[in-house]
Amino acid sequence: MVLVKSSNRPEDTMRTRTFAAMAAVTSLVAADVSTAKPVAYEGKTKGGYEMSFKRDGNKISRINGLVPTTCVSPQGGSPIAGGEIFKPPGSFRLGQTRKVKALQDSALHYSKVTKYYTVTMKKGRRGGFAGKLHVNFSFQTVESSPFSGFSLKTWVCRGDDSFSAR
């Protein structure tokens, strides 16, 4: 705190006290803002999977969960379905839709794939949050057949879900 030398006049004493009070309030407000920590939220998707994220002001980050996903092949065959890891990088502003991509592990394939994420977050009813989650990616597998030998089979995967969290 900085004190200003004052004379014996009542106006100067009042200015010094006002200045000291303003400095004390400013330091308290600055300390409160700098110590704010992200708040953790947990919720469930409509598909029944658990998810979590952190909120820091108007931004959401560290989204972590699973999304029901189906993979189909243009070459035919039975589809692959299951819960896909949903962990987009970066942060997402409330009330906006953002698209990001990342090279990550996949629950439906044995190696890393480039995942394309779309996340929409908004404030929900009763003080919570709601949003829409989308992920798509593709990969190839080696298939063997008694007639054609070995060939590459392409898989295209898509997962969509919505969630609510408190």
C-alpha atoms as a PDB file:
ATOM      1  CA  MET A   1       0.000   0.000   0.000  1.00  0.00           C
ATOM      2  CA  VAL A   2       1.240   3.457  -0.884  1.00  0.00           C
ATOM      3  CA  LEU A   3       0.583   6.342   1.450  1.00  0.00           C
ATOM      4  CA  VAL A   4       0.542   9.920   0.286  1.00  0.00           C
ATOM      5  CA  LYS A   5       2.035  12.526   2.593  1.00  0.00           C
ATOM      6  CA  SER A   6      -0.699  14.870   3.640  1.00  0.00           C
ATOM      7  CA  SER A   7      -0.889  18.146   5.336  1.00  0.00           C
ATOM      8  CA  ASN A   8      -3.120  18.919   8.282  1.00  0.00           C
ATOM      9  CA  ARG A   9      -5.997  19.991   6.046  1.00  0.00           C
ATOM     10  CA  PRO A  10      -9.159  17.832   6.298  1.00  0.00           C
ATOM     11  CA  GLU A  11      -9.434  17.509   2.455  1.00  0.00           C
ATOM     12  CA  ASP A  12      -5.966  15.932   2.194  1.00  0.00           C
ATOM     13  CA  THR A  13      -6.671  13.470   5.015  1.00  0.00           C
ATOM     14  CA  MET A  14      -9.887  12.385   3.288  1.00  0.00           C
ATOM     15  CA  ARG A  15      -8.051  11.873  -0.029  1.00  0.00           C
ATOM     16  CA  THR A  16      -5.422   9.744   1.673  1.00  0.00           C
ATOM     17  CA  ARG A  17      -8.047   7.541   3.327  1.00  0.00           C
ATOM     18  CA  THR A  18     -10.020   7.201   0.077  1.00  0.00           C
ATOM     19  CA  PHE A  19      -6.885   6.286  -1.854  1.00  0.00           C
ATOM     20  CA  ALA A  20      -5.868   3.688   0.787  1.00  0.00           C
ATOM     21  CA  ALA A  21      -9.360   2.131   0.731  1.00  0.00           C
ATOM     22  CA  MET A  22      -9.386   1.957  -3.078  1.00  0.00           C
ATOM     23  CA  ALA A  23      -5.943   0.323  -3.089  1.00  0.00           C
ATOM     24  CA  ALA A  24      -7.074  -2.296  -0.551  1.00  0.00           C
ATOM     25  CA  VAL A  25     -10.223  -3.163  -2.561  1.00  0.00           C
ATOM     26  CA  THR A  26      -8.255  -3.372  -5.813  1.00  0.00           C
ATOM     27  CA  SER A  27      -5.714  -5.756  -4.284  1.00  0.00           C
ATOM     28  CA  LEU A  28      -8.504  -7.992  -2.914  1.00  0.00           C
ATOM     29  CA  VAL A  29     -10.259  -8.155  -6.296  1.00  0.00           C
ATOM     30  CA  ALA A  30      -6.996  -8.896  -8.109  1.00  0.00           C
ATOM     31  CA  ALA A  31      -6.147 -11.676  -5.632  1.00  0.00           C
ATOM     32  CA  ASP A  32      -9.626 -13.234  -6.048  1.00  0.00           C
ATOM     33  CA  VAL A  33      -9.417 -13.284  -9.861  1.00  0.00           C
ATOM     34  CA  SER A  34      -5.923 -14.760  -9.957  1.00  0.00           C
ATOM     35  CA  THR A  35      -6.802 -17.658  -7.614  1.00  0.00           C
ATOM     36  CA  ALA A  36      -9.900 -18.822  -9.540  1.00  0.00           C
ATOM     37  CA  LYS A  37      -9.556 -22.473 -10.526  1.00  0.00           C
ATOM     38  CA  PRO A  38     -11.328 -24.460 -13.245  1.00  0.00           C
ATOM     39  CA  VAL A  39     -14.447 -26.264 -12.025  1.00  0.00           C
ATOM     40  CA  ALA A  40     -14.889 -29.958 -12.845  1.00  0.00           C
ATOM     41  CA  TYR A  41     -18.232 -31.206 -14.197  1.00  0.00           C
ATOM     42  CA  GLU A  42     -19.502 -34.736 -14.754  1.00  0.00           C
ATOM     43  CA  GLY A  43     -22.485 -35.932 -16.712  1.00  0.00           C
ATOM     44  CA  LYS A  44     -23.919 -38.573 -19.006  1.00  0.00           C
ATOM     45  CA  THR A  45     -24.543 -38.751 -22.703  1.00  0.00           C
ATOM     46  CA  LYS A  46     -27.910 -39.821 -24.081  1.00  0.00           C
ATOM     47  CA  GLY A  47     -26.149 -43.020 -25.157  1.00  0.00           C
ATOM     48  CA  GLY A  48     -25.513 -43.785 -21.465  1.00  0.00           C
ATOM     49  CA  TYR A  49     -21.771 -43.115 -21.348  1.00  0.00           C
ATOM     50  CA  GLU A  50     -20.129 -41.002 -18.636  1.00  0.00           C
ATOM     51  CA  MET A  51     -18.257 -37.839 -19.546  1.00  0.00           C
ATOM     52  CA  SER A  52     -16.381 -35.064 -17.771  1.00  0.00           C
ATOM     53  CA  PHE A  53     -14.925 -31.649 -18.537  1.00  0.00           C
ATOM     54  CA  LYS A  54     -13.512 -28.543 -16.861  1.00  0.00           C
ATOM     55  CA  ARG A  55     -15.030 -25.066 -17.013  1.00  0.00           C
ATOM     56  CA  ASP A  56     -12.901 -21.976 -16.656  1.00  0.00           C
ATOM     57  CA  GLY A  57     -14.994 -18.849 -17.109  1.00  0.00           C
ATOM     58  CA  ASN A  58     -16.671 -19.009 -20.514  1.00  0.00           C
ATOM     59  CA  LYS A  59     -14.507 -21.892 -21.792  1.00  0.00           C
ATOM     60  CA  ILE A  60     -14.818 -25.660 -21.563  1.00  0.00           C
ATOM     61  CA  SER A  61     -11.724 -27.879 -21.809  1.00  0.00           C
ATOM     62  CA  ARG A  62     -10.476 -31.389 -21.027  1.00  0.00           C
ATOM     63  CA  ILE A  63     -13.583 -33.082 -22.413  1.00  0.00           C
ATOM     64  CA  ASN A  64     -13.287 -36.806 -21.760  1.00  0.00           C
ATOM     65  CA  GLY A  65     -15.825 -39.542 -22.449  1.00  0.00           C
ATOM     66  CA  LEU A  66     -17.216 -42.072 -24.893  1.00  0.00           C
ATOM     67  CA  VAL A  67     -19.595 -41.635 -27.828  1.00  0.00           C
ATOM     68  CA  PRO A  68     -21.583 -44.466 -29.479  1.00  0.00           C
ATOM     69  CA  THR A  69     -19.938 -44.975 -32.888  1.00  0.00           C
ATOM     70  CA  THR A  70     -20.593 -47.161 -35.918  1.00  0.00           C
ATOM     71  CA  CYS A  71     -18.023 -48.066 -38.584  1.00  0.00           C
ATOM     72  CA  VAL A  72     -19.135 -49.318 -42.003  1.00  0.00           C
ATOM     73  CA  SER A  73     -17.145 -50.418 -45.025  1.00  0.00           C
ATOM     74  CA  PRO A  74     -17.986 -49.391 -48.604  1.00  0.00           C
ATOM     75  CA  GLN A  75     -16.736 -52.858 -49.633  1.00  0.00           C
ATOM     76  CA  GLY A  76     -19.536 -54.456 -47.586  1.00  0.00           C
ATOM     77  CA  GLY A  77     -19.572 -56.737 -44.577  1.00  0.00           C
ATOM     78  CA  SER A  78     -20.845 -56.431 -41.035  1.00  0.00           C
ATOM     79  CA  PRO A  79     -20.486 -53.020 -39.358  1.00  0.00           C
ATOM     80  CA  ILE A  80     -18.340 -52.434 -36.275  1.00  0.00           C
ATOM     81  CA  ALA A  81     -20.038 -50.617 -33.385  1.00  0.00           C
ATOM     82  CA  GLY A  82     -19.084 -49.552 -29.875  1.00  0.00           C
ATOM     83  CA  GLY A  83     -18.105 -46.665 -27.645  1.00  0.00           C
ATOM     84  CA  GLU A  84     -15.385 -44.490 -29.167  1.00  0.00           C
ATOM     85  CA  ILE A  85     -13.005 -42.388 -27.064  1.00  0.00           C
ATOM     86  CA  PHE A  86     -14.095 -38.724 -27.205  1.00  0.00           C
ATOM     87  CA  LYS A  87     -11.231 -36.491 -26.086  1.00  0.00           C
ATOM     88  CA  PRO A  88     -10.913 -33.396 -28.309  1.00  0.00           C
ATOM     89  CA  PRO A  89      -7.880 -31.144 -27.752  1.00  0.00           C
ATOM     90  CA  GLY A  90      -8.140 -27.482 -26.808  1.00  0.00           C
ATOM     91  CA  SER A  91     -10.930 -25.444 -25.299  1.00  0.00           C
ATOM     92  CA  PHE A  92     -14.441 -24.637 -26.480  1.00  0.00           C
ATOM     93  CA  ARG A  93     -16.339 -21.392 -25.892  1.00  0.00           C
ATOM     94  CA  LEU A  94     -19.857 -21.675 -24.499  1.00  0.00           C
ATOM     95  CA  GLY A  95     -22.543 -20.929 -27.080  1.00  0.00           C
ATOM     96  CA  GLN A  96     -20.349 -21.687 -30.100  1.00  0.00           C
ATOM     97  CA  THR A  97     -19.610 -24.689 -32.307  1.00  0.00           C
ATOM     98  CA  ARG A  98     -15.959 -25.535 -32.891  1.00  0.00           C
ATOM     99  CA  LYS A  99     -14.272 -28.142 -35.075  1.00  0.00           C
ATOM    100  CA  VAL A 100     -10.854 -29.634 -34.301  1.00  0.00           C
ATOM    101  CA  LYS A 101      -8.830 -32.633 -35.430  1.00  0.00           C
ATOM    102  CA  ALA A 102      -6.244 -34.776 -33.685  1.00  0.00           C
ATOM    103  CA  LEU A 103      -4.212 -37.937 -34.218  1.00  0.00           C
ATOM    104  CA  GLN A 104      -5.315 -40.161 -31.316  1.00  0.00           C
ATOM    105  CA  ASP A 105      -5.866 -43.744 -30.227  1.00  0.00           C
ATOM    106  CA  SER A 106      -9.135 -45.360 -31.199  1.00  0.00           C
ATOM    107  CA  ALA A 107     -11.201 -47.850 -29.223  1.00  0.00           C
ATOM    108  CA  LEU A 108     -12.500 -49.412 -32.458  1.00  0.00           C
ATOM    109  CA  HIS A 109      -9.119 -49.801 -34.213  1.00  0.00           C
ATOM    110  CA  TYR A 110      -5.715 -51.037 -33.047  1.00  0.00           C
ATOM    111  CA  SER A 111      -3.687 -47.945 -34.000  1.00  0.00           C
ATOM    112  CA  LYS A 112      -3.935 -44.160 -34.032  1.00  0.00           C
ATOM    113  CA  VAL A 113      -6.377 -42.444 -36.394  1.00  0.00           C
ATOM    114  CA  THR A 114      -7.044 -38.808 -37.277  1.00  0.00           C
ATOM    115  CA  LYS A 115     -10.283 -37.900 -35.527  1.00  0.00           C
ATOM    116  CA  TYR A 116     -12.408 -34.953 -36.631  1.00  0.00           C
ATOM    117  CA  TYR A 117     -14.369 -33.497 -33.704  1.00  0.00           C
ATOM    118  CA  THR A 118     -17.296 -31.082 -33.639  1.00  0.00           C
ATOM    119  CA  VAL A 119     -18.363 -29.779 -30.229  1.00  0.00           C
ATOM    120  CA  THR A 120     -21.282 -27.479 -29.378  1.00  0.00           C
ATOM    121  CA  MET A 121     -21.578 -26.358 -25.739  1.00  0.00           C
ATOM    122  CA  LYS A 122     -24.237 -24.212 -24.090  1.00  0.00           C
ATOM    123  CA  LYS A 123     -25.611 -23.449 -20.683  1.00  0.00           C
ATOM    124  CA  GLY A 124     -28.362 -25.890 -19.860  1.00  0.00           C
ATOM    125  CA  ARG A 125     -31.391 -25.751 -17.677  1.00  0.00           C
ATOM    126  CA  ARG A 126     -31.092 -25.651 -13.903  1.00  0.00           C
ATOM    127  CA  GLY A 127     -27.528 -24.332 -13.848  1.00  0.00           C
ATOM    128  CA  GLY A 128     -25.899 -27.164 -15.764  1.00  0.00           C
ATOM    129  CA  PHE A 129     -24.528 -27.521 -19.286  1.00  0.00           C
ATOM    130  CA  ALA A 130     -25.681 -29.270 -22.429  1.00  0.00           C
ATOM    131  CA  GLY A 131     -24.059 -29.985 -25.742  1.00  0.00           C
ATOM    132  CA  LYS A 132     -23.716 -32.017 -28.895  1.00  0.00           C
ATOM    133  CA  LEU A 133     -20.738 -34.210 -29.654  1.00  0.00           C
ATOM    134  CA  HIS A 134     -19.645 -35.525 -33.057  1.00  0.00           C
ATOM    135  CA  VAL A 135     -16.608 -37.528 -34.137  1.00  0.00           C
ATOM    136  CA  ASN A 136     -15.686 -39.126 -37.451  1.00  0.00           C
ATOM    137  CA  PHE A 137     -12.613 -40.945 -38.706  1.00  0.00           C
ATOM    138  CA  SER A 138     -11.594 -43.701 -41.083  1.00  0.00           C
ATOM    139  CA  PHE A 139      -9.042 -46.483 -41.171  1.00  0.00           C
ATOM    140  CA  GLN A 140      -8.013 -49.486 -43.247  1.00  0.00           C
ATOM    141  CA  THR A 141      -7.558 -53.144 -42.369  1.00  0.00           C
ATOM    142  CA  VAL A 142      -5.902 -55.985 -44.271  1.00  0.00           C
ATOM    143  CA  GLU A 143      -8.428 -58.646 -45.256  1.00  0.00           C
ATOM    144  CA  SER A 144      -7.630 -62.089 -46.586  1.00  0.00           C
ATOM    145  CA  SER A 145      -9.827 -64.043 -48.936  1.00  0.00           C
ATOM    146  CA  PRO A 146      -9.354 -67.499 -50.450  1.00  0.00           C
ATOM    147  CA  PHE A 147     -10.203 -66.079 -53.872  1.00  0.00           C
ATOM    148  CA  SER A 148      -8.337 -62.760 -54.075  1.00  0.00           C
ATOM    149  CA  GLY A 149      -5.535 -63.151 -51.537  1.00  0.00           C
ATOM    150  CA  PHE A 150      -4.947 -60.020 -49.427  1.00  0.00           C
ATOM    151  CA  SER A 151      -6.697 -56.665 -49.873  1.00  0.00           C
ATOM    152  CA  LEU A 152      -7.218 -53.404 -47.970  1.00  0.00           C
ATOM    153  CA  LYS A 153     -10.648 -52.782 -46.527  1.00  0.00           C
ATOM    154  CA  THR A 154     -11.646 -49.193 -45.747  1.00  0.00           C
ATOM    155  CA  TRP A 155     -13.804 -48.361 -42.731  1.00  0.00           C
ATOM    156  CA  VAL A 156     -15.657 -45.065 -42.259  1.00  0.00           C
ATOM    157  CA  CYS A 157     -16.734 -44.309 -38.673  1.00  0.00           C
ATOM    158  CA  ARG A 158     -19.177 -41.793 -37.265  1.00  0.00           C
ATOM    159  CA  GLY A 159     -20.331 -41.095 -33.712  1.00  0.00           C
ATOM    160  CA  ASP A 160     -22.946 -38.607 -32.529  1.00  0.00           C
ATOM    161  CA  ASP A 161     -24.409 -37.967 -29.108  1.00  0.00           C
ATOM    162  CA  SER A 162     -25.706 -35.223 -26.842  1.00  0.00           C
ATOM    163  CA  PHE A 163     -25.112 -34.743 -23.137  1.00  0.00           C
ATOM    164  CA  SER A 164     -26.060 -32.862 -20.034  1.00  0.00           C
ATOM    165  CA  ALA A 165     -23.821 -32.198 -17.031  1.00  0.00           C
ATOM    166  CA  ARG A 166     -23.890 -30.404 -13.692  1.00  0.00           C
END
